[in-house]
Amino acid sequence: MDFGQQWTYFLNRIREVQEENFNELALEIFRWQAAWNPLYRQFLELLQVQPDEIDSIGEIPFLPISFFKSKTIKTGLWKTETVFESSGTSGQITSRHEVRSTAWYEENTVRGFGHFYGHPSGYCFLALLPSYLERGGSSLVLMADHFIQTSSFAESGFFLKDHAMLARLLNELKAKTIPTVLIGVSFGLLDFVEQYQIDFPDLIVMETGGMKGRRKEMTRMELHELIRKGFNINHVHSEYGMTELFSQAYSQKDGLFRTSPTMKILIRDVTDPFCILPERRHGAINIIDLANLDTCAFIATDDLGRQYADNSFEILGRIDASDIRGCNLMVV
């Protein structure tokens, strides 16, 4: 098969991937990206890694996420449709993720969300993402916008600073018993509940993390308790994603994240990037994102975490001296 045929082959395999064949497909994509991604190939050569000798996902070298700040990362030759850019404080170098197809990104976000909640068309989607709406290139805004457009409910939409309108709408949606998801950046949700108290027990409130220097940092438990009381809900949901990924993980009630079907987490030793740790050990997070077919599916993040026997994981903060990111700054 030529490159185009291989690309189509992998795209179709990713759409149907299951837990039982994830590792096999990941190894196939690893060898394919090692051959067709110049930056990743150079990275492997510098490590003196022979792709054909890698026979388990734990042996795969993961590309440091910082490369997205200084390099163009592409598997194959293709025209860039758009660029996802990370948020950052003034003067920071931000990550840039070249995107071949926004339609592929949107398709994968629906697949990931649907794995936990069902198709987004069945919900009214409200997005409280002030800082992200005020800049361009946000993958989170694109995902939220796609869910809003996919929704069957005309009330779906973005809210920048009109908290009064959002409060009125939430009360109307409750009265109509419309299934509703409110997805918001952490400081935006806190700003809202400081002004309004909503009694909507069936509401799904999904925080995406990120204080971005707007507020004093607090633990996720403290954050969720304030949000929970503000909406009179039993649990706060969370979304874990980033500019450099096409897949997301979700936490529905216990603070532990579960990955979408195209995503897998490994925990590496902070002092030895090639040592994968067993369950319950604290370390840095490696992510396999099969949906990153056009860039690199194997990313070594700067997030710290711990994984459990059922493959759920928790976020424990960030590696010292890592740049502050826009998403998931909350520490435990």
Protein backbone atom coordinates (compact mmCIF):
# COMPACT_ATOMS: atom_id res chain seq x y z
CA MET A 1 0.00 0.00 0.00
CA ASP A 2 1.13 3.56 -0.67
CA PHE A 3 0.97 6.28 1.99
CA GLY A 4 -2.59 7.33 1.17
CA GLN A 5 -3.87 3.78 1.29
CA GLN A 6 -2.10 3.17 4.60
CA TRP A 7 -3.59 6.37 6.02
CA THR A 8 -7.10 5.29 5.07
CA TYR A 9 -6.45 1.81 6.44
CA PHE A 10 -5.37 3.20 9.83
CA LEU A 11 -8.22 5.71 9.92
CA ASN A 12 -10.75 2.90 9.57
CA ARG A 13 -8.93 0.73 12.13
CA ILE A 14 -8.94 3.59 14.65
CA ARG A 15 -12.68 4.09 14.19
CA GLU A 16 -13.29 0.49 15.24
CA VAL A 17 -10.55 0.06 17.85
CA GLN A 18 -11.41 -1.95 20.96
CA GLU A 19 -9.48 -2.64 24.16
CA GLU A 20 -8.49 -6.11 22.98
CA ASN A 21 -6.75 -4.87 19.81
CA PHE A 22 -5.54 -1.44 21.01
CA ASN A 23 -1.94 -2.49 21.69
CA GLU A 24 -1.57 -4.27 18.36
CA LEU A 25 -2.85 -1.24 16.46
CA ALA A 26 -0.66 1.10 18.52
CA LEU A 27 2.43 -0.87 17.52
CA GLU A 28 1.43 -0.75 13.85
CA ILE A 29 0.93 3.01 14.02
CA PHE A 30 4.23 3.40 15.87
CA ARG A 31 6.15 1.69 13.07
CA TRP A 32 4.24 3.66 10.44
CA GLN A 33 4.95 7.01 12.13
CA ALA A 34 8.58 6.01 12.67
CA ALA A 35 8.82 5.63 8.89
CA TRP A 36 6.81 8.65 7.77
CA ASN A 37 7.31 11.27 10.49
CA PRO A 38 10.73 12.94 9.96
CA LEU A 39 10.95 14.47 13.44
CA TYR A 40 9.89 11.29 15.23
CA ARG A 41 12.24 9.23 13.07
CA GLN A 42 15.14 11.51 13.97
CA PHE A 43 14.17 11.27 17.64
CA LEU A 44 14.26 7.47 17.47
CA GLU A 45 17.58 7.50 15.62
CA LEU A 46 19.15 9.69 18.30
CA LEU A 47 17.95 7.15 20.87
CA GLN A 48 19.34 4.35 18.67
CA VAL A 49 15.94 2.68 18.63
CA GLN A 50 15.09 0.23 15.85
CA PRO A 51 11.29 0.35 15.36
CA ASP A 52 11.10 -3.27 14.19
CA GLU A 53 12.62 -4.39 17.49
CA ILE A 54 9.85 -2.77 19.57
CA ASP A 55 7.23 -5.41 20.40
CA SER A 56 5.28 -3.90 23.32
CA ILE A 57 3.77 -0.47 23.94
CA GLY A 58 5.88 -0.11 27.09
CA GLU A 59 9.02 -0.09 24.94
CA ILE A 60 7.85 2.71 22.63
CA PRO A 61 9.78 5.98 23.07
CA PHE A 62 7.34 8.85 23.72
CA LEU A 63 8.00 12.21 22.12
CA PRO A 64 8.39 15.02 24.71
CA ILE A 65 5.38 17.30 24.52
CA SER A 66 7.66 20.35 24.48
CA PHE A 67 8.51 19.57 20.85
CA PHE A 68 5.13 21.02 19.89
CA LYS A 69 6.50 24.41 20.96
CA SER A 70 9.47 24.45 18.64
CA LYS A 71 8.90 21.93 15.83
CA THR A 72 6.39 21.20 13.11
CA ILE A 73 5.19 17.65 13.73
CA LYS A 74 3.66 15.84 10.78
CA THR A 75 3.41 12.24 9.64
CA GLY A 76 3.55 12.39 5.86
CA LEU A 77 3.07 15.41 3.62
CA TRP A 78 -0.30 17.16 3.81
CA LYS A 79 -1.82 20.63 3.77
CA THR A 80 -2.58 22.16 7.16
CA GLU A 81 -6.27 22.99 7.55
CA THR A 82 -5.89 24.78 10.88
CA VAL A 83 -3.55 25.01 13.87
CA PHE A 84 -4.48 24.35 17.49
CA GLU A 85 -2.58 26.65 19.85
CA SER A 86 -2.27 26.31 23.60
CA SER A 87 -3.00 29.12 26.01
CA GLY A 88 -0.24 30.66 28.08
CA THR A 89 0.75 33.69 30.05
CA SER A 90 2.40 36.66 28.38
CA GLY A 91 5.82 35.85 27.00
CA GLN A 92 5.42 32.10 27.04
CA ILE A 93 6.08 30.01 23.96
CA THR A 94 2.86 28.14 23.23
CA SER A 95 2.32 24.75 21.63
CA ARG A 96 1.18 24.51 18.00
CA HIS A 97 -0.56 21.39 16.75
CA GLU A 98 -0.89 21.26 12.96
CA VAL A 99 -4.28 19.82 11.98
CA ARG A 100 -4.88 18.02 8.73
CA SER A 101 -8.63 17.58 9.20
CA THR A 102 -10.91 19.31 11.71
CA ALA A 103 -13.63 16.87 10.64
CA TRP A 104 -11.49 13.98 11.94
CA TYR A 105 -10.94 15.81 15.21
CA GLU A 106 -14.67 16.48 15.59
CA GLU A 107 -15.55 12.89 14.75
CA ASN A 108 -13.17 11.62 17.40
CA THR A 109 -14.46 14.01 20.08
CA VAL A 110 -17.99 12.72 19.47
CA ARG A 111 -16.74 9.14 19.75
CA GLY A 112 -14.96 9.88 23.01
CA PHE A 113 -17.85 11.76 24.60
CA GLY A 114 -20.34 9.16 23.38
CA HIS A 115 -18.36 6.36 25.01
CA PHE A 116 -19.32 7.77 28.42
CA TYR A 117 -22.46 9.86 27.91
CA GLY A 118 -24.12 8.87 24.66
CA HIS A 119 -24.31 10.96 21.50
CA PRO A 120 -24.05 14.72 22.14
CA SER A 121 -27.18 15.34 20.07
CA GLY A 122 -29.18 14.14 23.08
CA TYR A 123 -28.01 17.04 25.29
CA CYS A 124 -28.36 20.77 25.42
CA PHE A 125 -24.76 22.01 25.49
CA LEU A 126 -23.81 25.21 27.26
CA ALA A 127 -20.19 26.36 27.18
CA LEU A 128 -18.71 28.76 29.71
CA LEU A 129 -15.22 29.22 28.25
CA PRO A 130 -14.44 32.95 28.49
CA SER A 131 -10.67 32.86 28.14
CA TYR A 132 -10.78 30.36 25.27
CA LEU A 133 -13.41 32.28 23.32
CA GLU A 134 -11.28 35.39 23.56
CA ARG A 135 -8.43 33.83 21.61
CA GLY A 136 -8.17 31.75 18.45
CA GLY A 137 -6.91 28.25 17.85
CA SER A 138 -8.52 26.51 20.81
CA SER A 139 -9.24 22.81 20.32
CA LEU A 140 -11.59 22.94 23.33
CA VAL A 141 -13.69 25.67 21.71
CA LEU A 142 -13.85 23.68 18.48
CA MET A 143 -15.04 20.61 20.39
CA ALA A 144 -17.65 22.58 22.33
CA ASP A 145 -18.85 24.32 19.17
CA HIS A 146 -19.23 20.98 17.40
CA PHE A 147 -21.26 19.59 20.31
CA ILE A 148 -23.42 22.74 20.27
CA GLN A 149 -24.02 22.41 16.54
CA THR A 150 -24.74 18.69 16.93
CA SER A 151 -27.21 19.21 19.78
CA SER A 152 -30.91 18.77 19.09
CA PHE A 153 -31.71 21.70 21.39
CA ALA A 154 -31.81 25.28 20.11
CA GLU A 155 -30.91 26.59 23.57
CA SER A 156 -27.34 25.30 23.17
CA GLY A 157 -24.65 27.94 22.93
CA PHE A 158 -21.60 29.78 24.29
CA PHE A 159 -21.60 32.23 27.17
CA LEU A 160 -18.83 34.76 27.58
CA LYS A 161 -19.70 37.00 30.50
CA ASP A 162 -23.51 37.10 30.58
CA HIS A 163 -24.00 35.09 33.74
CA ALA A 164 -27.53 36.41 34.25
CA MET A 165 -28.67 35.00 30.92
CA LEU A 166 -26.98 31.68 31.70
CA ALA A 167 -28.72 31.49 35.09
CA ARG A 168 -32.14 32.16 33.52
CA LEU A 169 -31.53 29.55 30.84
CA LEU A 170 -30.44 26.89 33.33
CA ASN A 171 -33.64 27.39 35.30
CA GLU A 172 -35.69 27.12 32.09
CA LEU A 173 -33.92 23.93 31.04
CA LYS A 174 -34.53 22.42 34.45
CA ALA A 175 -38.24 23.27 34.23
CA LYS A 176 -38.41 21.62 30.80
CA THR A 177 -36.42 18.58 32.08
CA ILE A 178 -33.98 18.90 29.17
CA PRO A 179 -30.74 16.88 29.60
CA THR A 180 -28.07 19.55 29.90
CA VAL A 181 -24.27 19.71 29.97
CA LEU A 182 -22.52 22.85 31.18
CA ILE A 183 -18.85 22.66 30.22
CA GLY A 184 -16.66 25.37 31.67
CA VAL A 185 -13.17 26.47 32.58
CA SER A 186 -12.68 26.29 36.34
CA PHE A 187 -12.39 30.01 37.09
CA GLY A 188 -15.45 30.70 34.91
CA LEU A 189 -17.55 28.22 36.87
CA LEU A 190 -16.34 29.69 40.17
CA ASP A 191 -17.14 33.22 38.98
CA PHE A 192 -20.65 32.04 38.12
CA VAL A 193 -21.48 30.25 41.38
CA GLU A 194 -20.25 33.25 43.38
CA GLN A 195 -23.02 35.28 41.75
CA TYR A 196 -25.78 32.69 41.31
CA GLN A 197 -27.00 29.62 43.15
CA ILE A 198 -28.76 27.14 40.84
CA ASP A 199 -30.84 24.19 41.99
CA PHE A 200 -30.43 21.74 39.09
CA PRO A 201 -29.56 18.27 40.46
CA ASP A 202 -29.68 16.58 37.03
CA LEU A 203 -27.29 19.06 35.43
CA ILE A 204 -23.94 17.70 34.22
CA VAL A 205 -21.31 20.29 35.12
CA MET A 206 -18.02 19.48 33.42
CA GLU A 207 -14.92 21.45 34.40
CA THR A 208 -11.96 21.53 32.08
CA GLY A 209 -9.44 22.77 34.66
CA GLY A 210 -7.38 25.91 34.40
CA MET A 211 -7.13 28.91 36.68
CA LYS A 212 -4.70 30.60 34.27
CA GLY A 213 -3.50 32.96 36.97
CA ARG A 214 -7.05 34.29 37.45
CA ARG A 215 -7.47 32.84 40.95
CA LYS A 216 -5.57 31.28 43.81
CA GLU A 217 -4.83 27.64 43.07
CA MET A 218 -6.84 25.10 45.04
CA THR A 219 -7.18 21.35 45.14
CA ARG A 220 -9.61 19.65 42.79
CA MET A 221 -11.59 18.52 45.84
CA GLU A 222 -12.01 22.13 47.00
CA LEU A 223 -12.94 23.28 43.51
CA HIS A 224 -15.53 20.55 43.06
CA GLU A 225 -17.11 21.19 46.44
CA LEU A 226 -17.71 24.84 45.58
CA ILE A 227 -19.14 23.97 42.18
CA ARG A 228 -21.24 21.13 43.58
CA LYS A 229 -22.87 23.42 46.14
CA GLY A 230 -23.37 26.18 43.57
CA PHE A 231 -25.50 23.97 41.32
CA ASN A 232 -26.89 21.58 43.97
CA ILE A 233 -25.45 18.55 42.17
CA ASN A 234 -24.03 15.34 43.59
CA HIS A 235 -20.92 15.15 41.43
CA VAL A 236 -18.77 17.41 39.26
CA HIS A 237 -17.52 15.91 36.01
CA SER A 238 -14.13 16.71 34.47
CA GLU A 239 -12.60 16.60 31.00
CA TYR A 240 -8.90 15.96 30.44
CA GLY A 241 -7.54 17.03 27.09
CA MET A 242 -4.87 19.25 25.61
CA THR A 243 -3.82 21.09 22.49
CA GLU A 244 -1.43 18.32 21.47
CA LEU A 245 -4.08 15.57 21.53
CA PHE A 246 -7.15 14.60 19.52
CA SER A 247 -8.65 12.39 22.27
CA GLN A 248 -10.00 13.18 25.72
CA ALA A 249 -10.48 11.45 29.06
CA TYR A 250 -13.44 12.03 31.36
CA SER A 251 -14.11 11.82 35.09
CA GLN A 252 -17.77 11.36 35.98
CA LYS A 253 -17.91 11.29 39.76
CA ASP A 254 -14.88 10.00 41.67
CA GLY A 255 -12.09 12.28 40.48
CA LEU A 256 -10.59 9.42 38.47
CA PHE A 257 -10.33 9.77 34.71
CA ARG A 258 -11.19 7.09 32.17
CA THR A 259 -9.85 7.28 28.64
CA SER A 260 -11.85 7.30 25.43
CA PRO A 261 -11.38 4.23 23.17
CA THR A 262 -8.56 5.82 21.13
CA MET A 263 -6.47 6.76 24.16
CA LYS A 264 -4.30 4.94 26.70
CA ILE A 265 -2.24 6.15 29.66
CA LEU A 266 1.14 4.88 30.85
CA ILE A 267 3.03 6.22 33.87
CA ARG A 268 6.77 6.75 33.52
CA ASP A 269 9.45 7.28 36.13
CA VAL A 270 10.22 11.01 36.41
CA THR A 271 13.95 10.29 36.63
CA ASP A 272 14.00 7.63 33.89
CA PRO A 273 11.72 8.35 30.89
CA PHE A 274 12.14 4.79 29.59
CA CYS A 275 10.92 3.12 32.77
CA ILE A 276 7.17 2.44 32.85
CA LEU A 277 5.85 2.19 36.39
CA PRO A 278 3.33 -0.31 37.75
CA GLU A 279 -0.12 0.65 39.01
CA ARG A 280 -0.47 3.03 41.95
CA ARG A 281 3.05 4.44 41.48
CA HIS A 282 3.37 8.21 41.18
CA GLY A 283 5.05 9.41 37.97
CA ALA A 284 4.74 11.39 34.75
CA ILE A 285 2.00 10.68 32.24
CA ASN A 286 2.64 9.20 28.80
CA ILE A 287 -0.31 9.22 26.42
CA ILE A 288 -1.00 7.04 23.43
CA ASP A 289 -3.52 8.87 21.28
CA LEU A 290 -4.26 6.81 18.20
CA ALA A 291 -6.34 9.67 16.78
CA ASN A 292 -3.10 11.67 16.47
CA LEU A 293 -2.51 9.76 13.25
CA ASP A 294 -1.28 12.80 11.34
CA THR A 295 1.21 14.05 13.94
CA CYS A 296 2.51 11.77 16.70
CA ALA A 297 0.45 9.26 18.68
CA PHE A 298 3.02 8.85 21.48
CA ILE A 299 3.36 11.88 23.75
CA ALA A 300 5.31 12.26 26.99
CA THR A 301 3.43 14.96 28.90
CA ASP A 302 4.58 17.13 31.79
CA ASP A 303 1.62 16.07 33.92
CA LEU A 304 2.05 13.92 37.00
CA GLY A 305 -0.37 11.12 37.79
CA ARG A 306 -1.11 7.69 39.13
CA GLN A 307 -2.85 4.79 37.37
CA TYR A 308 -4.97 2.03 38.88
CA ALA A 309 -5.71 -1.59 38.05
CA ASP A 310 -8.88 -0.73 36.10
CA ASN A 311 -6.82 1.71 33.94
CA SER A 312 -8.42 4.76 35.54
CA PHE A 313 -5.96 7.49 36.50
CA GLU A 314 -5.72 10.68 38.50
CA ILE A 315 -3.86 13.93 37.91
CA LEU A 316 -1.46 14.90 40.67
CA GLY A 317 -0.03 18.13 39.32
CA ARG A 318 2.86 18.96 37.02
CA ILE A 319 6.57 18.27 36.85
CA ASP A 320 8.61 21.01 38.53
CA ALA A 321 9.69 23.83 36.20
CA SER A 322 7.11 22.90 33.56
CA ASP A 323 5.35 25.84 31.94
CA ILE A 324 1.89 26.63 33.29
CA ARG A 325 -0.73 25.34 30.86
CA GLY A 326 -4.24 26.58 30.27
CA CYS A 327 -5.85 23.24 31.09
CA ASN A 328 -5.91 21.12 34.23
CA LEU A 329 -3.71 23.12 36.57
CA MET A 330 -5.57 21.74 39.55
CA VAL A 331 -3.49 19.75 41.98
CA VAL A 332 -4.61 17.10 44.42
